[in-house]
N, C-alpha and C. Protein backbone atom coordinates (compact mmCIF):
# COMPACT_ATOMS: atom_id res chain seq x y z
N MET A 1 74.95 41.19 67.41
CA MET A 1 75.54 41.78 66.36
C MET A 1 75.77 40.50 65.41
N SER A 2 75.85 40.35 64.17
CA SER A 2 76.07 39.29 63.39
C SER A 2 77.68 39.56 62.89
N VAL A 3 78.49 38.60 62.79
CA VAL A 3 79.79 38.76 62.89
C VAL A 3 79.89 39.21 61.52
N ALA A 4 79.08 39.03 60.32
CA ALA A 4 79.07 40.02 58.82
C ALA A 4 79.17 41.49 59.37
N ARG A 5 77.89 41.72 60.19
CA ARG A 5 77.29 43.29 60.31
C ARG A 5 79.29 43.54 61.36
N LYS A 6 79.65 43.01 62.32
CA LYS A 6 80.95 43.38 62.91
C LYS A 6 82.12 43.60 62.11
N LEU A 7 82.10 42.88 60.75
CA LEU A 7 83.23 43.01 60.00
C LEU A 7 82.88 44.14 59.26
N ALA A 8 81.65 44.42 58.71
CA ALA A 8 81.47 45.58 57.81
C ALA A 8 81.71 46.96 58.75
N SER A 9 81.07 46.81 59.90
CA SER A 9 81.30 48.09 60.85
C SER A 9 83.18 48.33 60.99
N ALA A 10 83.84 47.27 61.09
CA ALA A 10 85.37 47.17 61.08
C ALA A 10 85.93 48.13 59.92
N ALA A 11 85.58 47.63 58.73
CA ALA A 11 86.07 47.87 57.62
C ALA A 11 85.76 49.26 57.57
N LEU A 12 84.32 49.89 57.76
CA LEU A 12 83.93 51.22 57.92
C LEU A 12 84.91 51.97 58.72
N ALA A 13 84.90 51.66 59.86
CA ALA A 13 85.58 52.21 60.92
C ALA A 13 87.53 52.21 60.09
N LEU A 14 87.81 51.26 59.93
CA LEU A 14 89.31 51.34 59.16
C LEU A 14 89.48 52.45 58.28
N CYS A 15 88.27 52.26 56.91
CA CYS A 15 88.50 53.45 56.00
C CYS A 15 88.10 54.87 56.14
N LEU A 16 87.39 55.11 57.34
CA LEU A 16 87.16 56.71 57.89
C LEU A 16 88.40 56.87 58.41
N SER A 17 89.06 55.86 59.15
CA SER A 17 90.37 56.44 59.88
C SER A 17 91.39 56.71 58.75
N ILE A 18 91.44 55.75 57.52
CA ILE A 18 92.21 56.39 56.25
C ILE A 18 91.91 57.54 56.08
N LEU A 19 90.91 57.89 55.76
CA LEU A 19 90.61 58.85 55.10
C LEU A 19 90.98 60.08 55.86
N ALA A 20 90.60 60.03 57.00
CA ALA A 20 90.87 60.97 58.42
C ALA A 20 92.53 61.72 58.35
N SER A 21 93.11 60.08 57.94
CA SER A 21 94.67 60.28 58.35
C SER A 21 95.14 60.86 57.11
N GLY A 22 94.64 60.80 56.05
CA GLY A 22 95.24 61.66 54.63
C GLY A 22 95.97 60.73 54.29
N ILE A 23 95.83 59.47 53.99
CA ILE A 23 96.69 58.40 53.54
C ILE A 23 96.38 58.70 52.15
N GLN A 24 97.41 58.78 50.94
CA GLN A 24 97.13 58.91 49.90
C GLN A 24 97.40 57.27 49.24
N LYS A 25 96.29 56.94 48.49
CA LYS A 25 96.40 55.60 47.85
C LYS A 25 97.26 55.79 46.54
N TYR A 26 98.00 54.47 46.44
CA TYR A 26 98.86 54.38 45.31
C TYR A 26 98.66 53.34 44.54
N SER A 27 99.01 52.97 43.40
CA SER A 27 98.95 51.95 42.38
C SER A 27 100.44 51.07 42.61
N PRO A 28 100.56 49.88 43.33
CA PRO A 28 101.77 49.26 43.23
C PRO A 28 102.11 48.89 41.86
N GLN A 29 101.37 48.68 40.63
CA GLN A 29 101.56 48.64 39.44
C GLN A 29 102.61 49.99 38.99
N GLU A 30 101.88 50.84 39.34
CA GLU A 30 102.50 52.06 38.54
C GLU A 30 103.93 52.55 39.50
N VAL A 31 103.78 52.27 40.81
CA VAL A 31 105.01 52.35 41.46
C VAL A 31 106.32 51.54 40.71
N ALA A 32 105.80 50.23 40.47
CA ALA A 32 107.02 49.44 39.68
C ALA A 32 107.25 49.69 38.69
N LYS A 33 106.18 50.67 37.63
CA LYS A 33 107.11 51.08 36.60
C LYS A 33 107.56 52.31 36.65
N VAL A 34 107.54 53.15 37.46
CA VAL A 34 108.72 54.25 37.34
C VAL A 34 109.64 53.75 38.11
N LEU A 35 109.48 52.67 39.16
CA LEU A 35 110.60 52.04 39.87
C LEU A 35 111.73 51.61 38.69
N LYS A 36 111.18 50.59 37.88
CA LYS A 36 111.80 50.14 36.48
C LYS A 36 112.64 51.16 35.62
N ALA A 37 111.43 52.44 35.48
CA ALA A 37 112.30 53.55 34.74
C ALA A 37 113.67 53.99 35.36
N ILE A 38 113.59 53.99 36.95
CA ILE A 38 114.48 54.60 37.46
C ILE A 38 115.65 53.72 37.10
N ASP A 39 115.69 52.17 37.33
CA ASP A 39 116.84 51.37 37.46
C ASP A 39 117.27 51.28 35.84
N ARG A 40 116.49 51.68 34.83
CA ARG A 40 116.75 51.67 32.92
C ARG A 40 117.59 52.94 33.08
N VAL A 41 117.36 53.89 34.01
CA VAL A 41 118.09 55.27 33.67
C VAL A 41 119.65 55.05 34.68
N GLU A 42 119.40 54.50 35.66
CA GLU A 42 120.59 54.35 36.37
C GLU A 42 121.77 53.27 35.48
N ARG A 43 121.27 52.43 35.09
CA ARG A 43 121.76 51.09 34.27
C ARG A 43 122.42 51.95 33.04
N GLU A 44 121.57 52.36 32.23
CA GLU A 44 122.30 53.10 31.00
C GLU A 44 123.06 54.40 31.10
N THR A 45 122.89 55.10 32.51
CA THR A 45 123.79 56.14 32.53
C THR A 45 125.15 55.79 33.41
N ALA A 46 125.39 54.33 33.57
CA ALA A 46 126.12 54.02 34.68
C ALA A 46 127.68 54.58 34.21
N THR A 47 127.93 54.31 33.38
CA THR A 47 129.15 54.74 32.36
C THR A 47 129.09 55.83 31.26
N PRO A 48 129.99 56.84 31.72
CA PRO A 48 129.52 58.10 30.89
C PRO A 48 129.90 57.72 29.63
N THR A 49 128.89 58.10 28.46
CA THR A 49 129.28 57.77 27.13
C THR A 49 128.68 59.06 26.32
N LYS A 50 129.14 59.59 25.40
CA LYS A 50 128.90 60.39 24.07
C LYS A 50 127.79 59.80 23.54
N ARG A 51 126.50 60.31 23.96
CA ARG A 51 125.47 59.49 22.87
C ARG A 51 124.37 61.21 23.02
N PRO A 52 123.38 61.21 22.18
CA PRO A 52 122.28 61.79 22.14
C PRO A 52 121.49 61.34 23.09
N LEU A 53 120.54 62.55 23.77
CA LEU A 53 120.05 62.31 25.07
C LEU A 53 118.53 61.53 24.86
N LYS A 54 118.43 60.37 25.55
CA LYS A 54 117.31 59.48 25.46
C LYS A 54 116.45 60.19 26.72
N LYS A 55 114.73 59.76 26.17
CA LYS A 55 113.89 60.31 27.03
C LYS A 55 113.13 59.27 27.28
N ILE A 56 112.46 59.27 28.74
CA ILE A 56 111.68 58.49 29.30
C ILE A 56 110.46 59.20 30.02
N SER A 57 109.15 58.63 29.66
CA SER A 57 108.11 59.53 30.39
C SER A 57 107.40 58.28 31.18
N ILE A 58 106.77 59.50 31.95
CA ILE A 58 106.18 59.05 33.26
C ILE A 58 105.08 59.43 33.31
N THR A 59 103.85 58.91 33.46
CA THR A 59 102.59 59.70 33.61
C THR A 59 102.27 60.40 34.92
N GLU A 60 101.21 61.14 34.96
CA GLU A 60 100.61 62.19 36.05
C GLU A 60 100.60 61.13 37.28
N SER A 61 99.85 59.78 36.58
CA SER A 61 98.99 58.75 37.32
C SER A 61 100.43 58.27 38.38
N GLU A 62 101.11 57.71 37.29
CA GLU A 62 102.46 57.13 37.93
C GLU A 62 103.27 57.96 38.51
N LEU A 63 103.60 59.27 38.62
CA LEU A 63 104.15 60.01 39.12
C LEU A 63 103.48 60.37 40.33
N ASN A 64 102.27 60.45 40.77
CA ASN A 64 101.67 60.38 42.27
C ASN A 64 101.58 59.27 42.66
N SER A 65 101.65 58.35 42.12
CA SER A 65 101.50 57.09 42.76
C SER A 65 102.66 56.67 43.52
N TYR A 66 104.07 57.18 42.51
CA TYR A 66 105.38 56.82 43.04
C TYR A 66 105.49 57.78 44.49
N ILE A 67 104.87 59.10 44.33
CA ILE A 67 104.99 60.05 45.62
C ILE A 67 104.44 59.61 46.46
N ALA A 68 103.33 59.01 46.23
CA ALA A 68 102.33 58.56 47.63
C ALA A 68 103.35 57.03 48.61
N TYR A 69 103.83 56.62 47.17
CA TYR A 69 104.64 55.44 47.93
C TYR A 69 105.61 55.84 48.35
N LEU A 70 106.44 56.97 48.00
CA LEU A 70 107.59 57.67 49.11
C LEU A 70 107.04 58.00 50.23
N VAL A 71 106.09 58.90 50.62
CA VAL A 71 105.57 59.27 51.61
C VAL A 71 105.54 58.33 52.32
N GLU A 72 104.98 57.27 51.86
CA GLU A 72 104.69 55.93 53.09
C GLU A 72 105.71 55.39 53.38
N ILE A 73 106.67 54.73 52.79
CA ILE A 73 107.81 53.98 52.97
C ILE A 73 108.57 54.96 53.80
N LYS A 74 108.90 56.26 53.56
CA LYS A 74 109.60 57.27 54.36
C LYS A 74 109.21 57.49 55.59
N ASN A 75 107.80 57.40 55.78
CA ASN A 75 106.96 57.68 57.18
C ASN A 75 107.27 59.20 57.15
N GLU A 76 106.93 59.82 56.42
CA GLU A 76 106.85 61.13 56.34
C GLU A 76 106.25 61.76 57.68
N LYS A 77 106.81 62.84 58.41
CA LYS A 77 106.14 63.38 59.77
C LYS A 77 105.36 64.16 59.44
N PHE A 78 105.42 65.06 58.43
CA PHE A 78 104.17 66.04 58.30
C PHE A 78 103.65 66.39 56.88
N LEU A 79 104.28 65.71 56.01
CA LEU A 79 103.95 65.49 54.85
C LEU A 79 102.84 64.41 54.77
N LYS A 80 101.72 64.53 54.52
CA LYS A 80 100.76 63.48 54.58
C LYS A 80 100.25 63.25 53.36
N GLU A 81 100.36 64.35 52.16
CA GLU A 81 100.03 64.04 51.17
C GLU A 81 100.33 64.82 49.94
N LEU A 82 100.78 64.57 48.88
CA LEU A 82 101.55 65.65 48.01
C LEU A 82 100.71 64.93 46.48
N ARG A 83 99.47 65.51 45.94
CA ARG A 83 99.41 65.14 44.01
C ARG A 83 99.54 66.30 43.39
N ILE A 84 99.64 66.14 41.90
CA ILE A 84 100.07 66.92 41.23
C ILE A 84 99.58 66.81 39.56
N LYS A 85 99.43 67.61 39.12
CA LYS A 85 98.51 67.90 37.90
C LYS A 85 99.86 68.39 36.90
N LEU A 86 100.19 67.65 35.89
CA LEU A 86 100.94 68.13 34.93
C LEU A 86 100.30 68.92 33.60
N PHE A 87 100.83 69.96 33.22
CA PHE A 87 100.59 70.74 31.92
C PHE A 87 101.27 71.21 30.90
N ARG A 88 100.85 71.08 30.01
CA ARG A 88 102.05 71.84 28.91
C ARG A 88 102.93 72.70 29.44
N LYS A 89 104.30 73.12 28.57
CA LYS A 89 105.45 73.95 28.90
C LYS A 89 105.53 74.11 30.52
N ASN A 90 105.80 73.01 31.14
CA ASN A 90 106.46 72.88 32.68
C ASN A 90 105.59 73.80 33.48
N LYS A 91 104.02 73.93 33.02
CA LYS A 91 103.22 74.15 34.41
C LYS A 91 102.90 73.07 35.35
N VAL A 92 102.76 73.02 36.56
CA VAL A 92 102.62 72.03 37.53
C VAL A 92 101.55 73.20 38.43
N GLU A 93 100.51 71.89 38.89
CA GLU A 93 99.64 72.57 39.94
C GLU A 93 99.67 71.36 40.68
N GLY A 94 98.97 71.35 42.10
CA GLY A 94 98.71 70.32 43.09
C GLY A 94 98.61 71.04 44.18
N ILE A 95 98.42 69.59 45.26
CA ILE A 95 97.72 70.09 46.67
C ILE A 95 98.61 69.07 47.40
N VAL A 96 98.81 69.75 48.40
CA VAL A 96 99.63 69.03 49.71
C VAL A 96 98.82 69.23 50.98
N LEU A 97 99.20 68.05 51.77
CA LEU A 97 98.33 68.06 52.98
C LEU A 97 99.27 67.97 53.94
N ILE A 98 99.29 69.04 54.71
CA ILE A 98 100.81 69.07 55.96
C ILE A 98 100.11 68.83 57.28
N ASP A 99 100.20 67.83 58.35
CA ASP A 99 99.69 67.51 59.32
C ASP A 99 100.73 68.14 60.48
N LEU A 100 100.65 69.07 61.44
CA LEU A 100 101.32 69.08 62.37
C LEU A 100 100.73 69.20 63.88
N ARG A 101 99.77 68.34 63.60
CA ARG A 101 98.80 68.28 64.86
C ARG A 101 99.77 67.81 66.49
N ALA A 102 100.48 66.74 65.86
CA ALA A 102 101.31 66.41 66.86
C ALA A 102 102.11 67.15 67.44
N GLU A 103 102.39 68.37 66.78
CA GLU A 103 103.29 69.43 67.40
C GLU A 103 102.60 70.60 67.80
N ARG A 104 103.47 71.32 68.65
CA ARG A 104 103.10 72.67 69.29
C ARG A 104 103.35 73.53 68.11
N VAL A 105 102.25 74.12 67.57
CA VAL A 105 102.53 75.36 66.44
C VAL A 105 102.35 76.64 66.97
N PRO A 106 103.10 77.30 66.05
CA PRO A 106 102.19 78.74 66.66
C PRO A 106 101.02 79.31 66.15
N GLU A 107 100.45 80.17 67.11
CA GLU A 107 99.21 80.34 66.64
C GLU A 107 98.67 80.69 65.39
N PHE A 108 100.04 81.36 64.27
CA PHE A 108 99.38 81.70 63.28
C PHE A 108 99.40 80.55 62.36
N LEU A 109 99.58 79.55 62.74
CA LEU A 109 99.90 78.18 61.60
C LEU A 109 98.70 77.40 62.28
N ARG A 110 98.04 76.65 61.42
CA ARG A 110 96.97 75.76 61.55
C ARG A 110 97.62 74.40 62.00
N PRO A 111 97.03 73.41 62.70
CA PRO A 111 98.01 72.32 62.59
C PRO A 111 97.50 71.48 61.57
N GLN A 112 96.77 71.36 60.92
CA GLN A 112 96.37 70.80 59.62
C GLN A 112 96.07 71.48 58.57
N MET A 113 96.82 71.50 57.77
CA MET A 113 96.94 72.81 56.34
C MET A 113 96.71 71.92 55.17
N THR A 114 95.77 72.27 54.18
CA THR A 114 95.41 71.77 52.74
C THR A 114 95.99 72.95 51.85
N LEU A 115 96.72 72.82 51.23
CA LEU A 115 97.80 73.77 50.44
C LEU A 115 97.27 73.61 48.89
N TYR A 116 96.81 74.47 47.99
CA TYR A 116 96.75 74.44 46.63
C TYR A 116 97.91 75.47 45.98
N PHE A 117 98.40 74.57 45.12
CA PHE A 117 99.51 75.66 44.26
C PHE A 117 99.87 75.42 43.14
N GLY A 118 100.30 76.70 42.21
CA GLY A 118 100.52 76.62 40.96
C GLY A 118 101.91 77.09 40.45
N GLY A 119 102.41 76.86 39.60
CA GLY A 119 103.49 77.35 38.80
C GLY A 119 104.42 76.82 37.58
N LYS A 120 105.31 76.73 37.44
CA LYS A 120 106.29 76.31 36.65
C LYS A 120 107.49 75.63 37.13
N ILE A 121 108.17 74.51 36.40
CA ILE A 121 109.22 74.02 36.61
C ILE A 121 110.16 74.44 35.75
N GLU A 122 111.39 74.56 36.39
CA GLU A 122 112.65 75.40 35.27
C GLU A 122 113.84 74.04 35.70
N ALA A 123 114.25 73.49 34.53
CA ALA A 123 115.24 73.00 34.44
C ALA A 123 116.76 73.43 33.96
N ASN A 124 117.54 73.20 34.17
CA ASN A 124 119.08 73.98 33.85
C ASN A 124 120.19 73.09 34.37
N GLY A 125 120.67 72.49 33.39
CA GLY A 125 122.42 71.84 33.85
C GLY A 125 122.11 70.91 34.76
N GLY A 126 121.24 69.91 34.71
CA GLY A 126 120.93 68.88 35.39
C GLY A 126 120.55 69.16 37.14
N GLN A 127 119.91 70.46 36.85
CA GLN A 127 119.22 70.99 38.16
C GLN A 127 117.88 71.10 38.01
N VAL A 128 116.89 71.65 39.14
CA VAL A 128 115.39 71.98 38.64
C VAL A 128 115.19 72.81 39.65
N ARG A 129 114.08 73.58 39.72
CA ARG A 129 113.54 74.37 40.48
C ARG A 129 112.03 74.39 40.59
N PHE A 130 111.51 74.89 41.39
CA PHE A 130 109.75 74.92 41.21
C PHE A 130 109.53 76.35 41.30
N ILE A 131 109.01 77.22 40.56
CA ILE A 131 108.83 78.92 40.60
C ILE A 131 107.28 78.89 41.00
N LEU A 132 107.16 78.96 42.28
CA LEU A 132 105.98 78.92 42.83
C LEU A 132 104.93 80.44 42.30
N ARG A 133 103.86 80.39 41.68
CA ARG A 133 103.00 81.67 41.36
C ARG A 133 101.93 81.81 42.01
N ASP A 134 101.17 80.57 42.45
CA ASP A 134 99.81 80.82 43.13
C ASP A 134 100.26 80.04 44.44
N LEU A 135 99.45 80.51 45.51
CA LEU A 135 99.76 79.46 46.65
C LEU A 135 98.13 79.95 47.66
N PHE A 136 97.53 78.76 48.01
CA PHE A 136 96.04 78.98 48.56
C PHE A 136 96.26 77.89 49.67
N LEU A 137 95.96 78.60 50.93
CA LEU A 137 95.45 77.63 52.12
C LEU A 137 93.99 77.58 52.12
N GLU A 138 93.36 76.52 51.95
CA GLU A 138 92.05 76.36 51.87
C GLU A 138 91.87 77.08 50.69
N GLU A 139 90.73 77.95 50.75
CA GLU A 139 90.41 78.75 49.88
C GLU A 139 91.03 80.02 49.93
N GLN A 140 91.39 80.41 50.55
CA GLN A 140 92.40 81.74 50.98
C GLN A 140 93.84 82.16 50.25
N ARG A 141 94.02 82.81 49.41
CA ARG A 141 95.23 83.21 48.64
C ARG A 141 96.06 83.56 49.67
N ILE A 142 97.48 83.02 49.56
CA ILE A 142 98.16 83.45 50.63
C ILE A 142 99.74 83.79 49.76
N ASP A 143 100.24 84.59 50.38
CA ASP A 143 101.54 84.81 50.01
C ASP A 143 102.76 83.86 50.00
N PRO A 144 103.21 83.60 48.70
CA PRO A 144 103.96 82.08 48.37
C PRO A 144 105.28 81.93 49.75
N LYS A 145 105.84 83.41 50.42
CA LYS A 145 106.50 83.18 51.25
C LYS A 145 106.13 82.69 52.47
N VAL A 146 104.78 82.06 52.69
CA VAL A 146 104.52 81.57 53.60
C VAL A 146 104.86 79.93 54.06
N LEU A 147 104.95 79.69 52.62
CA LEU A 147 105.58 78.05 52.56
C LEU A 147 106.39 77.88 53.00
N ASP A 148 107.56 78.94 52.60
CA ASP A 148 109.09 79.01 53.16
C ASP A 148 109.03 79.15 54.81
N LEU A 149 107.91 79.60 55.42
CA LEU A 149 108.13 79.79 56.86
C LEU A 149 107.46 78.42 57.59
N ILE A 150 106.45 77.62 56.62
CA ILE A 150 106.06 76.39 57.17
C ILE A 150 106.96 75.04 56.95
N ILE A 151 107.86 75.52 55.94
CA ILE A 151 109.29 74.53 55.46
C ILE A 151 109.99 74.64 57.03
N ALA A 152 110.35 75.96 57.16
CA ALA A 152 111.53 76.32 58.05
C ALA A 152 111.09 75.77 59.58
N PHE A 153 109.93 76.01 59.96
CA PHE A 153 109.35 75.36 60.86
C PHE A 153 109.37 74.19 61.22
N ALA A 154 108.85 73.18 59.96
CA ALA A 154 108.67 71.68 60.01
C ALA A 154 110.55 71.29 59.99
N ALA A 155 111.02 72.28 59.42
CA ALA A 155 112.61 71.46 59.47
C ALA A 155 113.19 71.76 61.06
N LYS A 156 112.63 72.94 61.58
CA LYS A 156 113.12 73.14 63.21
C LYS A 156 112.58 71.75 64.06
N ILE A 157 111.54 71.36 63.96
CA ILE A 157 110.81 70.61 64.92
C ILE A 157 111.47 69.20 64.42
N GLY A 158 111.35 68.91 63.05
CA GLY A 158 112.08 67.89 62.78
C GLY A 158 113.66 67.28 62.77
N ASN A 159 114.20 68.47 63.26
CA ASN A 159 115.76 68.38 63.03
C ASN A 159 116.47 68.22 61.89
N TYR A 160 115.74 68.65 60.94
CA TYR A 160 116.56 68.58 59.30
C TYR A 160 116.94 70.16 58.91
N GLU A 161 117.62 70.09 57.95
CA GLU A 161 118.10 71.39 57.44
C GLU A 161 116.72 71.97 56.54
N ALA A 162 116.70 73.49 56.70
CA ALA A 162 115.83 74.26 56.30
C ALA A 162 115.91 74.34 54.97
N TRP A 163 115.30 74.72 53.87
CA TRP A 163 115.55 74.82 52.63
C TRP A 163 114.19 76.06 52.20
N SER A 164 114.20 76.42 50.87
CA SER A 164 113.35 77.16 50.40
C SER A 164 112.65 76.48 49.19
N ILE A 165 111.47 76.72 48.94
CA ILE A 165 110.75 76.29 47.70
C ILE A 165 111.45 76.90 46.13
N ASN A 166 112.05 78.02 46.91
CA ASN A 166 112.78 78.25 45.33
C ASN A 166 113.85 77.93 44.85
N ASP A 167 114.80 77.08 45.92
CA ASP A 167 115.94 76.33 45.64
C ASP A 167 115.92 75.78 44.61
N TRP A 168 117.22 75.46 44.09
CA TRP A 168 117.70 74.62 42.94
C TRP A 168 117.84 73.53 43.52
N TRP A 169 117.13 72.13 42.94
CA TRP A 169 117.63 70.84 43.47
C TRP A 169 118.48 69.82 42.09
N GLU A 170 119.34 68.96 42.55
CA GLU A 170 120.00 68.16 41.92
C GLU A 170 118.83 67.46 41.08
N LEU A 171 119.03 67.09 39.86
CA LEU A 171 117.92 66.25 39.55
C LEU A 171 118.75 64.31 39.89
N PRO A 172 117.92 63.48 39.64
CA PRO A 172 118.23 62.05 40.17
C PRO A 172 119.52 61.79 39.24
N HIS A 173 120.49 60.97 39.90
CA HIS A 173 121.74 60.54 38.96
C HIS A 173 121.14 60.30 37.32
N GLY A 174 121.99 60.81 36.73
CA GLY A 174 121.60 60.71 35.19
C GLY A 174 120.74 61.14 34.12
N ILE A 175 119.94 62.38 34.98
CA ILE A 175 118.55 63.02 34.68
C ILE A 175 119.48 64.12 34.58
N LYS A 176 119.18 64.56 32.77
CA LYS A 176 119.69 65.91 32.90
C LYS A 176 118.96 67.06 32.13
N SER A 177 117.54 66.88 32.30
CA SER A 177 116.41 67.69 32.25
C SER A 177 115.12 67.17 32.52
N VAL A 178 114.30 67.70 32.47
CA VAL A 178 112.75 67.37 32.64
C VAL A 178 111.64 68.68 31.91
N GLU A 179 110.99 67.80 31.21
CA GLU A 179 109.66 68.84 30.77
C GLU A 179 108.60 68.27 31.19
N THR A 180 107.43 68.99 31.07
CA THR A 180 105.98 68.65 31.03
C THR A 180 105.24 68.68 29.93
N GLU A 181 104.52 67.89 29.80
CA GLU A 181 103.59 68.10 28.79
C GLU A 181 102.03 67.50 29.40
N SER A 182 101.12 67.60 28.70
CA SER A 182 99.73 67.10 29.53
C SER A 182 99.52 66.07 30.05
N HIS A 183 99.59 66.05 31.09
CA HIS A 183 99.39 64.48 31.86
C HIS A 183 100.55 63.75 32.15
N LYS A 184 101.77 64.37 31.92
CA LYS A 184 102.89 63.56 31.92
C LYS A 184 104.20 64.44 31.90
N ALA A 185 105.21 63.56 32.69
CA ALA A 185 106.40 64.44 32.69
C ALA A 185 108.03 63.52 31.87
N VAL A 186 108.38 64.33 30.75
CA VAL A 186 109.53 63.68 30.15
C VAL A 186 110.90 63.89 30.79
N PHE A 187 111.66 62.96 31.10
CA PHE A 187 112.85 62.83 31.68
C PHE A 187 113.90 62.69 30.71
N PHE A 188 115.06 63.54 30.33
CA PHE A 188 116.10 63.21 29.40
C PHE A 188 117.23 63.06 30.29
N TYR A 189 117.92 61.83 29.61
CA TYR A 189 118.94 61.39 30.51
C TYR A 189 120.11 61.14 29.08
């Protein structure tokens, strides 16, 4: 076998293993833009002042790149991919890939799950929550409460505190609110 053919075979094997592992690709340039925006908000809100709220926009693609970057650098144990689509009026849809193949899971849970979701984000007083309206496991509609069960199971085997999809979360430092538009998120600070 020629060297070129060996390299091509190795590259193909690498690509297939990456696809099989669910690694989400991201753009370093988009991640840098989000990190720069985070730095800007932190700098401008470091000292409290009374001023009208400013806003900063992050595109859907930039946000997805940043999420993929976080999944990679935090070496997430179970969450392998999270992609979202942003719509007007705080509507959000997305896909989540959860991989529990390395764990002993109850029979009613699949070791690898692709979840599709839809709902709306609600922001109030520097906090945000996601109101889950639709949840599908592959092509099958499931009760949104099942997601809390999956989260609780992952928390138990990962030794971290369980939470609920319905919980309110503090927005990052300096961010007062968030709204979505078609293919972008607008953060107010």
